[in-house]
N, C-alpha and C. Protein backbone atom coordinates (compact mmCIF):
# COMPACT_ATOMS: atom_id res chain seq x y z
N UNK A 1 -105.91 -4.75 -100.24
CA UNK A 1 -105.71 -3.33 -100.16
C UNK A 1 -107.05 -2.65 -99.92
N UNK A 2 -107.08 -1.74 -98.95
CA UNK A 2 -108.32 -1.07 -98.56
C UNK A 2 -108.50 0.23 -99.34
N UNK A 3 -109.75 0.63 -99.54
CA UNK A 3 -110.06 1.91 -100.15
C UNK A 3 -110.37 2.96 -99.09
N UNK A 4 -110.14 2.63 -97.84
CA UNK A 4 -110.45 3.52 -96.73
C UNK A 4 -109.52 4.74 -96.75
N UNK A 5 -110.10 5.91 -96.48
CA UNK A 5 -109.34 7.17 -96.47
C UNK A 5 -109.45 7.82 -95.10
N UNK A 6 -108.44 8.59 -94.74
CA UNK A 6 -108.39 9.30 -93.48
C UNK A 6 -108.11 10.77 -93.73
N UNK A 7 -108.50 11.61 -92.79
CA UNK A 7 -108.15 13.02 -92.84
C UNK A 7 -106.99 13.25 -91.88
N UNK A 8 -105.93 13.86 -92.42
CA UNK A 8 -104.74 14.19 -91.65
C UNK A 8 -104.57 15.70 -91.64
N UNK A 9 -104.34 16.29 -90.48
CA UNK A 9 -104.13 17.72 -90.35
C UNK A 9 -102.63 18.01 -90.25
N UNK A 10 -102.10 18.63 -91.30
CA UNK A 10 -100.69 19.03 -91.33
C UNK A 10 -100.58 20.49 -90.94
N UNK A 11 -99.52 20.85 -90.21
CA UNK A 11 -99.34 22.24 -89.80
C UNK A 11 -97.89 22.69 -89.85
N UNK A 12 -96.96 21.78 -90.05
CA UNK A 12 -95.53 22.11 -90.02
C UNK A 12 -94.83 21.77 -91.32
N UNK A 13 -93.79 20.96 -91.22
CA UNK A 13 -93.01 20.64 -92.42
C UNK A 13 -93.79 19.81 -93.43
N UNK A 14 -94.90 19.22 -93.00
CA UNK A 14 -95.75 18.44 -93.93
C UNK A 14 -96.81 19.29 -94.62
N UNK A 15 -96.83 20.61 -94.38
CA UNK A 15 -97.81 21.47 -95.05
C UNK A 15 -97.70 21.37 -96.57
N UNK A 16 -96.48 21.39 -97.06
CA UNK A 16 -96.27 21.41 -98.51
C UNK A 16 -96.57 20.04 -99.11
N UNK A 17 -97.39 20.01 -100.17
CA UNK A 17 -97.75 18.71 -100.75
C UNK A 17 -96.56 17.93 -101.31
N UNK A 18 -95.52 18.62 -101.76
CA UNK A 18 -94.34 17.89 -102.26
C UNK A 18 -93.69 17.10 -101.12
N UNK A 19 -93.47 17.75 -100.01
CA UNK A 19 -92.86 17.10 -98.85
C UNK A 19 -93.71 15.92 -98.38
N UNK A 20 -95.02 16.16 -98.22
CA UNK A 20 -95.87 15.10 -97.70
C UNK A 20 -96.02 13.95 -98.68
N UNK A 21 -96.11 14.25 -99.97
CA UNK A 21 -96.30 13.16 -100.94
C UNK A 21 -95.06 12.28 -101.06
N UNK A 22 -93.89 12.81 -100.71
CA UNK A 22 -92.68 11.96 -100.67
C UNK A 22 -92.76 10.97 -99.51
N UNK A 23 -93.48 11.34 -98.48
CA UNK A 23 -93.65 10.50 -97.31
C UNK A 23 -94.87 9.59 -97.43
N UNK A 24 -95.94 10.14 -97.97
CA UNK A 24 -97.22 9.43 -98.10
C UNK A 24 -97.74 9.69 -99.51
N UNK A 25 -97.45 8.80 -100.45
CA UNK A 25 -97.82 9.04 -101.86
C UNK A 25 -99.31 9.27 -102.10
N UNK A 26 -100.16 8.79 -101.22
CA UNK A 26 -101.60 8.95 -101.43
C UNK A 26 -102.14 10.30 -100.97
N UNK A 27 -101.29 11.13 -100.36
CA UNK A 27 -101.75 12.40 -99.77
C UNK A 27 -102.28 13.35 -100.82
N UNK A 28 -103.46 13.89 -100.54
CA UNK A 28 -104.12 14.85 -101.43
C UNK A 28 -104.69 15.98 -100.57
N UNK A 29 -104.21 17.22 -100.76
CA UNK A 29 -104.74 18.32 -99.95
C UNK A 29 -106.20 18.61 -100.29
N UNK A 30 -107.00 18.81 -99.24
CA UNK A 30 -108.41 19.14 -99.50
C UNK A 30 -108.79 20.52 -99.00
N UNK A 31 -107.96 21.15 -98.18
CA UNK A 31 -108.28 22.52 -97.79
C UNK A 31 -107.54 23.03 -96.58
N UNK A 32 -107.42 24.36 -96.53
CA UNK A 32 -106.81 25.07 -95.42
C UNK A 32 -107.86 25.28 -94.34
N UNK A 33 -107.45 25.09 -93.09
CA UNK A 33 -108.36 25.31 -91.97
C UNK A 33 -107.70 26.19 -90.92
N UNK A 34 -108.47 27.14 -90.39
CA UNK A 34 -107.95 27.94 -89.27
C UNK A 34 -107.99 27.10 -88.00
N UNK A 35 -107.05 27.35 -87.13
CA UNK A 35 -106.98 26.65 -85.85
C UNK A 35 -106.98 27.70 -84.74
N UNK A 36 -108.16 28.24 -84.44
CA UNK A 36 -108.23 29.26 -83.39
C UNK A 36 -107.81 28.68 -82.05
N UNK A 37 -107.29 29.55 -81.22
CA UNK A 37 -106.83 29.16 -79.88
C UNK A 37 -105.68 28.16 -79.94
N UNK A 38 -104.93 28.21 -81.03
CA UNK A 38 -103.73 27.38 -81.19
C UNK A 38 -102.61 28.29 -81.67
N UNK A 39 -101.39 27.89 -81.36
CA UNK A 39 -100.22 28.65 -81.78
C UNK A 39 -99.18 27.65 -82.27
N UNK A 40 -98.47 28.02 -83.35
CA UNK A 40 -97.41 27.19 -83.90
C UNK A 40 -96.10 27.56 -83.22
N UNK A 41 -95.42 26.57 -82.65
CA UNK A 41 -94.13 26.81 -82.02
C UNK A 41 -93.16 25.72 -82.48
N UNK A 42 -91.86 25.99 -82.30
CA UNK A 42 -90.80 25.08 -82.75
C UNK A 42 -90.00 24.57 -81.55
N UNK A 43 -90.65 24.10 -80.52
CA UNK A 43 -89.97 23.73 -79.29
C UNK A 43 -90.08 22.25 -78.93
N UNK A 44 -90.43 21.44 -79.92
CA UNK A 44 -90.50 20.00 -79.69
C UNK A 44 -89.15 19.40 -80.11
N UNK A 45 -88.50 18.68 -79.23
CA UNK A 45 -87.19 18.09 -79.52
C UNK A 45 -87.34 16.97 -80.54
N UNK A 46 -86.68 17.15 -81.68
CA UNK A 46 -86.67 16.12 -82.71
C UNK A 46 -85.60 15.09 -82.45
N UNK A 47 -85.64 14.00 -83.18
CA UNK A 47 -84.64 12.94 -83.05
C UNK A 47 -83.24 13.48 -83.35
N UNK A 48 -83.16 14.54 -84.16
CA UNK A 48 -81.86 15.13 -84.50
C UNK A 48 -81.43 16.21 -83.52
N UNK A 49 -82.22 16.43 -82.46
CA UNK A 49 -81.87 17.40 -81.42
C UNK A 49 -82.33 18.82 -81.70
N UNK A 50 -82.88 19.08 -82.85
CA UNK A 50 -83.33 20.43 -83.18
C UNK A 50 -84.80 20.62 -82.81
N UNK A 51 -85.26 21.86 -82.93
CA UNK A 51 -86.65 22.18 -82.63
C UNK A 51 -87.56 21.85 -83.80
N UNK A 52 -88.62 21.14 -83.54
CA UNK A 52 -89.63 20.80 -84.55
C UNK A 52 -90.94 21.48 -84.16
N UNK A 53 -91.86 21.55 -85.11
CA UNK A 53 -93.15 22.22 -84.91
C UNK A 53 -94.10 21.41 -84.06
N UNK A 54 -94.93 22.14 -83.40
CA UNK A 54 -96.16 21.58 -82.84
C UNK A 54 -97.13 22.72 -82.64
N UNK A 55 -98.39 22.38 -82.54
CA UNK A 55 -99.39 23.40 -82.24
C UNK A 55 -99.79 23.23 -80.79
N UNK A 56 -99.78 24.33 -80.11
CA UNK A 56 -100.12 24.31 -78.69
C UNK A 56 -101.42 25.06 -78.47
N UNK A 57 -102.18 24.60 -77.54
CA UNK A 57 -103.43 25.27 -77.20
C UNK A 57 -103.12 26.55 -76.46
N UNK A 58 -103.90 27.58 -76.74
CA UNK A 58 -103.77 28.86 -76.08
C UNK A 58 -105.07 29.11 -75.33
N UNK A 59 -104.97 29.45 -74.08
CA UNK A 59 -106.15 29.70 -73.28
C UNK A 59 -106.95 30.85 -73.88
N UNK A 60 -108.24 30.66 -74.03
CA UNK A 60 -109.11 31.72 -74.56
C UNK A 60 -109.04 32.97 -73.69
N UNK A 61 -108.86 32.82 -72.40
CA UNK A 61 -108.81 33.98 -71.52
C UNK A 61 -107.48 34.73 -71.63
N UNK A 62 -106.50 34.12 -72.29
CA UNK A 62 -105.18 34.74 -72.37
C UNK A 62 -105.06 35.72 -73.53
N UNK A 63 -106.08 35.87 -74.34
CA UNK A 63 -105.99 36.75 -75.50
C UNK A 63 -107.36 37.17 -75.98
N UNK A 64 -107.33 38.09 -76.88
CA UNK A 64 -108.55 38.51 -77.57
C UNK A 64 -108.72 37.57 -78.76
N UNK A 65 -109.93 37.11 -79.01
CA UNK A 65 -110.17 36.11 -80.06
C UNK A 65 -109.63 36.52 -81.41
N UNK A 66 -109.57 37.81 -81.71
CA UNK A 66 -109.11 38.26 -83.02
C UNK A 66 -107.59 38.41 -83.09
N UNK A 67 -106.88 38.18 -82.00
CA UNK A 67 -105.43 38.32 -81.98
C UNK A 67 -104.81 37.21 -82.82
N UNK A 68 -104.23 37.57 -83.96
CA UNK A 68 -103.72 36.56 -84.89
C UNK A 68 -102.50 35.82 -84.34
N UNK A 69 -101.86 36.34 -83.31
CA UNK A 69 -100.73 35.62 -82.72
C UNK A 69 -101.21 34.35 -82.00
N UNK A 70 -102.51 34.27 -81.75
CA UNK A 70 -103.08 33.11 -81.08
C UNK A 70 -103.97 32.34 -82.04
N UNK A 71 -103.47 32.21 -83.23
CA UNK A 71 -104.20 31.56 -84.30
C UNK A 71 -103.19 30.79 -85.12
N UNK A 72 -103.46 29.56 -85.43
CA UNK A 72 -102.59 28.78 -86.31
C UNK A 72 -103.44 28.33 -87.49
N UNK A 73 -102.79 27.78 -88.48
CA UNK A 73 -103.46 27.24 -89.65
C UNK A 73 -102.91 25.86 -89.94
N UNK A 74 -103.75 25.05 -90.53
CA UNK A 74 -103.34 23.73 -90.97
C UNK A 74 -103.96 23.44 -92.32
N UNK A 75 -103.53 22.34 -92.89
CA UNK A 75 -104.09 21.87 -94.15
C UNK A 75 -104.57 20.45 -93.93
N UNK A 76 -105.83 20.20 -94.27
CA UNK A 76 -106.37 18.85 -94.17
C UNK A 76 -106.00 18.11 -95.45
N UNK A 77 -105.39 16.97 -95.26
CA UNK A 77 -105.04 16.08 -96.37
C UNK A 77 -105.88 14.82 -96.25
N UNK A 78 -106.23 14.28 -97.38
CA UNK A 78 -106.89 12.99 -97.48
C UNK A 78 -105.77 11.99 -97.77
N UNK A 79 -105.64 10.94 -96.95
CA UNK A 79 -104.62 9.92 -97.18
C UNK A 79 -105.25 8.53 -97.12
N UNK A 80 -104.61 7.59 -97.79
CA UNK A 80 -105.07 6.20 -97.72
C UNK A 80 -104.78 5.66 -96.33
N UNK A 81 -105.74 4.96 -95.77
CA UNK A 81 -105.59 4.41 -94.41
C UNK A 81 -104.35 3.52 -94.30
N UNK A 82 -104.03 2.81 -95.37
CA UNK A 82 -102.87 1.92 -95.29
C UNK A 82 -101.54 2.67 -95.25
N UNK A 83 -101.55 3.98 -95.54
CA UNK A 83 -100.32 4.77 -95.46
C UNK A 83 -100.08 5.37 -94.07
N UNK A 84 -101.08 5.28 -93.21
CA UNK A 84 -100.96 5.92 -91.91
C UNK A 84 -99.81 5.35 -91.07
N UNK A 85 -99.60 4.05 -91.11
CA UNK A 85 -98.53 3.45 -90.31
C UNK A 85 -97.17 4.01 -90.72
N UNK A 86 -96.97 4.24 -92.02
CA UNK A 86 -95.71 4.84 -92.47
C UNK A 86 -95.56 6.26 -91.94
N UNK A 87 -96.63 7.04 -92.02
CA UNK A 87 -96.59 8.41 -91.52
C UNK A 87 -96.36 8.43 -90.01
N UNK A 88 -97.01 7.53 -89.29
CA UNK A 88 -96.80 7.43 -87.84
C UNK A 88 -95.32 7.19 -87.53
N UNK A 89 -94.70 6.30 -88.27
CA UNK A 89 -93.28 5.98 -88.06
C UNK A 89 -92.40 7.19 -88.38
N UNK A 90 -92.64 7.82 -89.51
CA UNK A 90 -91.84 8.97 -89.93
C UNK A 90 -91.98 10.13 -88.95
N UNK A 91 -93.18 10.36 -88.48
CA UNK A 91 -93.44 11.47 -87.56
C UNK A 91 -93.01 11.17 -86.13
N UNK A 92 -92.74 9.93 -85.81
CA UNK A 92 -92.30 9.58 -84.47
C UNK A 92 -93.43 9.43 -83.47
N UNK A 93 -94.54 8.84 -83.94
CA UNK A 93 -95.66 8.60 -83.04
C UNK A 93 -95.19 7.72 -81.88
N UNK A 94 -95.42 8.19 -80.67
CA UNK A 94 -95.01 7.46 -79.48
C UNK A 94 -93.57 7.74 -79.08
N UNK A 95 -92.86 8.52 -79.87
CA UNK A 95 -91.47 8.87 -79.59
C UNK A 95 -91.28 10.38 -79.75
N UNK A 96 -92.17 11.14 -79.17
CA UNK A 96 -92.08 12.59 -79.25
C UNK A 96 -93.40 13.23 -79.67
N UNK A 97 -94.16 12.50 -80.47
CA UNK A 97 -95.48 12.96 -80.86
C UNK A 97 -96.52 11.95 -80.43
N UNK A 98 -97.66 12.45 -80.00
CA UNK A 98 -98.83 11.63 -79.74
C UNK A 98 -99.87 11.99 -80.79
N UNK A 99 -100.95 11.25 -80.85
CA UNK A 99 -102.00 11.50 -81.83
C UNK A 99 -103.27 11.96 -81.13
N UNK A 100 -103.91 12.93 -81.73
CA UNK A 100 -105.22 13.38 -81.28
C UNK A 100 -106.11 13.51 -82.50
N UNK A 101 -107.40 13.60 -82.25
CA UNK A 101 -108.35 13.90 -83.31
C UNK A 101 -108.91 15.28 -83.04
N UNK A 102 -108.85 16.13 -84.05
CA UNK A 102 -109.43 17.47 -83.96
C UNK A 102 -110.60 17.56 -84.93
N UNK A 103 -111.64 18.22 -84.51
CA UNK A 103 -112.73 18.53 -85.42
C UNK A 103 -112.45 19.93 -85.96
N UNK A 104 -112.34 20.02 -87.28
CA UNK A 104 -112.01 21.29 -87.92
C UNK A 104 -113.13 21.68 -88.88
N UNK A 105 -113.20 22.96 -89.19
CA UNK A 105 -114.21 23.45 -90.12
C UNK A 105 -113.56 23.79 -91.45
N UNK A 106 -114.05 23.13 -92.48
CA UNK A 106 -113.58 23.36 -93.84
C UNK A 106 -114.79 23.86 -94.61
N UNK A 107 -114.88 25.20 -94.74
CA UNK A 107 -116.10 25.77 -95.31
C UNK A 107 -117.25 25.50 -94.36
N UNK A 108 -118.33 24.96 -94.88
CA UNK A 108 -119.50 24.65 -94.06
C UNK A 108 -119.42 23.24 -93.47
N UNK A 109 -118.39 22.50 -93.82
CA UNK A 109 -118.26 21.10 -93.38
C UNK A 109 -117.38 21.00 -92.14
N UNK A 110 -117.75 20.10 -91.26
CA UNK A 110 -116.93 19.78 -90.08
C UNK A 110 -116.31 18.41 -90.31
N UNK A 111 -115.00 18.33 -90.15
CA UNK A 111 -114.26 17.09 -90.39
C UNK A 111 -113.46 16.71 -89.16
N UNK A 112 -113.37 15.42 -88.91
CA UNK A 112 -112.46 14.91 -87.89
C UNK A 112 -111.17 14.54 -88.59
N UNK A 113 -110.07 15.07 -88.07
CA UNK A 113 -108.75 14.81 -88.65
C UNK A 113 -107.79 14.40 -87.55
N UNK A 114 -106.93 13.44 -87.85
CA UNK A 114 -105.91 13.10 -86.87
C UNK A 114 -104.76 14.08 -87.03
N UNK A 115 -104.11 14.37 -85.92
CA UNK A 115 -103.02 15.34 -85.89
C UNK A 115 -101.99 14.85 -84.88
N UNK A 116 -100.73 15.16 -85.16
CA UNK A 116 -99.66 14.80 -84.23
C UNK A 116 -99.44 15.98 -83.28
N UNK A 117 -99.45 15.69 -81.99
CA UNK A 117 -99.23 16.70 -80.96
C UNK A 117 -98.01 16.30 -80.14
N UNK A 118 -97.28 17.30 -79.71
CA UNK A 118 -96.04 17.04 -78.98
C UNK A 118 -96.29 16.42 -77.62
N UNK A 119 -95.50 15.42 -77.31
CA UNK A 119 -95.50 14.83 -75.97
C UNK A 119 -94.80 15.84 -75.06
N UNK A 120 -95.41 16.23 -73.94
CA UNK A 120 -94.80 17.23 -73.05
C UNK A 120 -93.37 16.89 -72.62
N UNK A 121 -93.03 15.61 -72.54
CA UNK A 121 -91.68 15.23 -72.13
C UNK A 121 -90.63 15.63 -73.16
N UNK A 122 -91.06 15.98 -74.38
CA UNK A 122 -90.14 16.33 -75.46
C UNK A 122 -90.08 17.84 -75.72
N UNK A 123 -90.67 18.63 -74.86
CA UNK A 123 -90.69 20.07 -75.08
C UNK A 123 -89.50 20.74 -74.41
N UNK A 124 -88.94 21.73 -75.12
CA UNK A 124 -87.80 22.47 -74.60
C UNK A 124 -87.81 23.85 -75.26
N UNK A 125 -88.03 24.88 -74.47
CA UNK A 125 -88.15 26.24 -75.00
C UNK A 125 -86.85 26.78 -75.58
N UNK A 126 -85.71 26.16 -75.28
CA UNK A 126 -84.43 26.67 -75.77
C UNK A 126 -84.06 26.14 -77.16
N UNK A 127 -84.89 25.26 -77.73
CA UNK A 127 -84.57 24.67 -79.03
C UNK A 127 -84.85 25.62 -80.19
N UNK A 128 -84.09 25.43 -81.25
CA UNK A 128 -84.30 26.15 -82.50
C UNK A 128 -84.36 25.14 -83.63
N UNK A 129 -85.15 25.44 -84.66
CA UNK A 129 -85.17 24.54 -85.82
C UNK A 129 -83.94 24.79 -86.70
N UNK A 130 -83.63 23.81 -87.53
CA UNK A 130 -82.61 24.03 -88.55
C UNK A 130 -83.19 24.96 -89.61
N UNK A 131 -82.30 25.70 -90.30
CA UNK A 131 -82.74 26.61 -91.36
C UNK A 131 -83.63 25.88 -92.37
N UNK A 132 -83.20 24.68 -92.80
CA UNK A 132 -83.93 23.95 -93.83
C UNK A 132 -85.33 23.56 -93.35
N UNK A 133 -85.44 23.20 -92.10
CA UNK A 133 -86.74 22.78 -91.56
C UNK A 133 -87.70 23.96 -91.54
N UNK A 134 -87.22 25.10 -91.01
CA UNK A 134 -88.07 26.29 -90.97
C UNK A 134 -88.49 26.68 -92.38
N UNK A 135 -87.58 26.60 -93.35
CA UNK A 135 -87.93 26.97 -94.72
C UNK A 135 -89.01 26.04 -95.28
N UNK A 136 -88.98 24.76 -94.93
CA UNK A 136 -90.04 23.85 -95.37
C UNK A 136 -91.41 24.32 -94.88
N UNK A 137 -91.46 24.76 -93.63
CA UNK A 137 -92.73 25.23 -93.07
C UNK A 137 -93.18 26.51 -93.80
N UNK A 138 -92.24 27.42 -94.03
CA UNK A 138 -92.55 28.67 -94.73
C UNK A 138 -93.03 28.37 -96.15
N UNK A 139 -92.33 27.51 -96.87
CA UNK A 139 -92.73 27.18 -98.24
C UNK A 139 -94.11 26.53 -98.28
N UNK A 140 -94.42 25.69 -97.31
CA UNK A 140 -95.75 25.08 -97.24
C UNK A 140 -96.82 26.12 -96.98
N UNK A 141 -96.52 27.05 -96.08
CA UNK A 141 -97.48 28.11 -95.77
C UNK A 141 -97.72 28.99 -97.00
N UNK A 142 -96.66 29.29 -97.72
CA UNK A 142 -96.81 30.10 -98.95
C UNK A 142 -97.55 29.33 -100.03
N UNK A 143 -97.26 28.04 -100.17
CA UNK A 143 -97.93 27.23 -101.19
C UNK A 143 -99.44 27.31 -101.02
N UNK A 144 -99.88 27.24 -99.78
CA UNK A 144 -101.32 27.24 -99.50
C UNK A 144 -101.87 28.65 -99.28
N UNK A 145 -101.06 29.67 -99.58
CA UNK A 145 -101.48 31.07 -99.49
C UNK A 145 -102.05 31.41 -98.11
N UNK A 146 -101.36 30.96 -97.07
CA UNK A 146 -101.77 31.32 -95.72
C UNK A 146 -101.54 32.82 -95.53
N UNK A 147 -102.23 33.45 -94.60
CA UNK A 147 -102.11 34.90 -94.44
C UNK A 147 -100.65 35.35 -94.29
N UNK A 148 -100.33 36.47 -94.93
CA UNK A 148 -98.94 36.96 -94.93
C UNK A 148 -98.43 37.24 -93.52
N UNK A 149 -99.29 37.71 -92.63
CA UNK A 149 -98.87 37.96 -91.25
C UNK A 149 -98.46 36.64 -90.56
N UNK A 150 -99.17 35.59 -90.86
CA UNK A 150 -98.85 34.27 -90.29
C UNK A 150 -97.51 33.78 -90.83
N UNK A 151 -97.31 33.90 -92.15
CA UNK A 151 -96.05 33.48 -92.76
C UNK A 151 -94.90 34.30 -92.19
N UNK A 152 -95.11 35.59 -92.04
CA UNK A 152 -94.07 36.47 -91.47
C UNK A 152 -93.68 36.03 -90.06
N UNK A 153 -94.67 35.64 -89.26
CA UNK A 153 -94.37 35.16 -87.90
C UNK A 153 -93.48 33.93 -87.95
N UNK A 154 -93.73 33.03 -88.89
CA UNK A 154 -92.89 31.82 -89.01
C UNK A 154 -91.48 32.23 -89.43
N UNK A 155 -91.40 33.18 -90.36
CA UNK A 155 -90.09 33.62 -90.85
C UNK A 155 -89.24 34.25 -89.76
N UNK A 156 -89.86 34.82 -88.73
CA UNK A 156 -89.09 35.47 -87.66
C UNK A 156 -88.55 34.48 -86.62
N UNK A 157 -88.95 33.22 -86.70
CA UNK A 157 -88.45 32.22 -85.76
C UNK A 157 -86.94 32.06 -85.97
N UNK A 158 -86.19 32.15 -84.89
CA UNK A 158 -84.74 31.97 -84.99
C UNK A 158 -84.45 30.51 -85.37
N UNK A 159 -83.54 30.35 -86.32
CA UNK A 159 -83.15 29.00 -86.74
C UNK A 159 -81.64 28.93 -86.79
N UNK A 160 -81.12 27.75 -87.02
CA UNK A 160 -79.67 27.54 -86.98
C UNK A 160 -79.25 26.62 -88.12
N UNK A 161 -77.98 26.67 -88.49
CA UNK A 161 -77.49 25.77 -89.55
C UNK A 161 -77.45 24.32 -89.06
N UNK A 162 -77.63 23.41 -89.98
CA UNK A 162 -77.52 21.98 -89.67
C UNK A 162 -76.07 21.58 -89.98
N UNK A 163 -75.35 21.14 -88.97
CA UNK A 163 -73.94 20.79 -89.15
C UNK A 163 -73.74 19.40 -89.74
N UNK A 164 -74.82 18.63 -89.89
CA UNK A 164 -74.75 17.32 -90.54
C UNK A 164 -74.90 17.56 -92.04
N UNK A 165 -73.79 17.52 -92.77
CA UNK A 165 -73.80 17.89 -94.20
C UNK A 165 -74.63 16.94 -95.05
N UNK A 166 -74.72 15.68 -94.67
CA UNK A 166 -75.53 14.73 -95.44
C UNK A 166 -77.02 15.08 -95.30
N UNK A 167 -77.46 15.32 -94.08
CA UNK A 167 -78.86 15.68 -93.84
C UNK A 167 -79.17 17.03 -94.49
N UNK A 168 -78.26 17.98 -94.34
CA UNK A 168 -78.43 19.30 -94.94
C UNK A 168 -78.57 19.20 -96.45
N UNK A 169 -77.74 18.38 -97.08
CA UNK A 169 -77.76 18.23 -98.54
C UNK A 169 -79.04 17.56 -99.04
N UNK A 170 -79.47 16.50 -98.36
CA UNK A 170 -80.68 15.81 -98.82
C UNK A 170 -81.90 16.72 -98.67
N UNK A 171 -81.93 17.53 -97.63
CA UNK A 171 -83.05 18.45 -97.45
C UNK A 171 -82.96 19.65 -98.40
N UNK A 172 -81.75 20.02 -98.80
CA UNK A 172 -81.60 21.10 -99.79
C UNK A 172 -82.24 20.69 -101.11
N UNK A 173 -82.10 19.43 -101.49
CA UNK A 173 -82.72 18.94 -102.72
C UNK A 173 -84.25 19.00 -102.64
N UNK A 174 -84.79 18.61 -101.51
CA UNK A 174 -86.25 18.67 -101.30
C UNK A 174 -86.72 20.12 -101.35
N UNK A 175 -85.98 21.01 -100.68
CA UNK A 175 -86.34 22.43 -100.68
C UNK A 175 -86.36 23.00 -102.09
N UNK A 176 -85.39 22.62 -102.91
CA UNK A 176 -85.35 23.15 -104.28
C UNK A 176 -86.59 22.72 -105.07
N UNK A 177 -87.01 21.49 -104.88
CA UNK A 177 -88.23 21.02 -105.55
C UNK A 177 -89.47 21.77 -105.05
N UNK A 178 -89.50 22.03 -103.75
CA UNK A 178 -90.61 22.79 -103.17
C UNK A 178 -90.63 24.21 -103.74
N UNK A 179 -89.46 24.85 -103.81
CA UNK A 179 -89.37 26.20 -104.35
C UNK A 179 -89.85 26.24 -105.80
N UNK A 180 -89.44 25.24 -106.57
CA UNK A 180 -89.84 25.16 -107.99
C UNK A 180 -91.36 25.11 -108.12
N UNK A 181 -91.99 24.26 -107.31
CA UNK A 181 -93.45 24.17 -107.33
C UNK A 181 -94.10 25.49 -106.93
N UNK A 182 -93.55 26.16 -105.94
CA UNK A 182 -94.11 27.44 -105.50
C UNK A 182 -93.99 28.49 -106.60
N UNK A 183 -92.89 28.48 -107.35
CA UNK A 183 -92.72 29.45 -108.44
C UNK A 183 -93.75 29.24 -109.55
N UNK A 184 -94.23 28.02 -109.71
CA UNK A 184 -95.21 27.70 -110.76
C UNK A 184 -96.62 28.14 -110.38
N UNK A 185 -96.85 28.46 -109.13
CA UNK A 185 -98.20 28.82 -108.67
C UNK A 185 -98.61 30.18 -109.20
């Protein structure tokens, strides 16, 4: 067993430490990072056919640098290197998501973190996330006290009910645990 650690940049349903720790028990949040010139969207086709998150680059010439609509946030997590293969499988690396390394600023420190980015072949602007999925992203953003304007933008994303009652029920249990943790903050 290795003691090697990696930095993982979460920005969507893995923002909340409860959700991520169920997937990767070694995950430990180390800080919130701004992602200028990036935008969070829900147009990546998931295995279940719904819209999942990804961060897309926004051209610097397309906006004013202070425009918060062209700004995303992520949370850098420290994970055990041996857990990465599990996270790759869960996230669908090579089946909708690719991996990139981003250099992010956490305070005065610059860190390289791996992040999952949407494969262009899996993008579809007509997709919507399930209600439960969008709520996971909102709860994660609130847990980490991301700016209220940013959280509000996520809340305005149109979502839809999940007609798979088994999937809906299992995610409802996870959401309740996430809500409980948020109430304790």
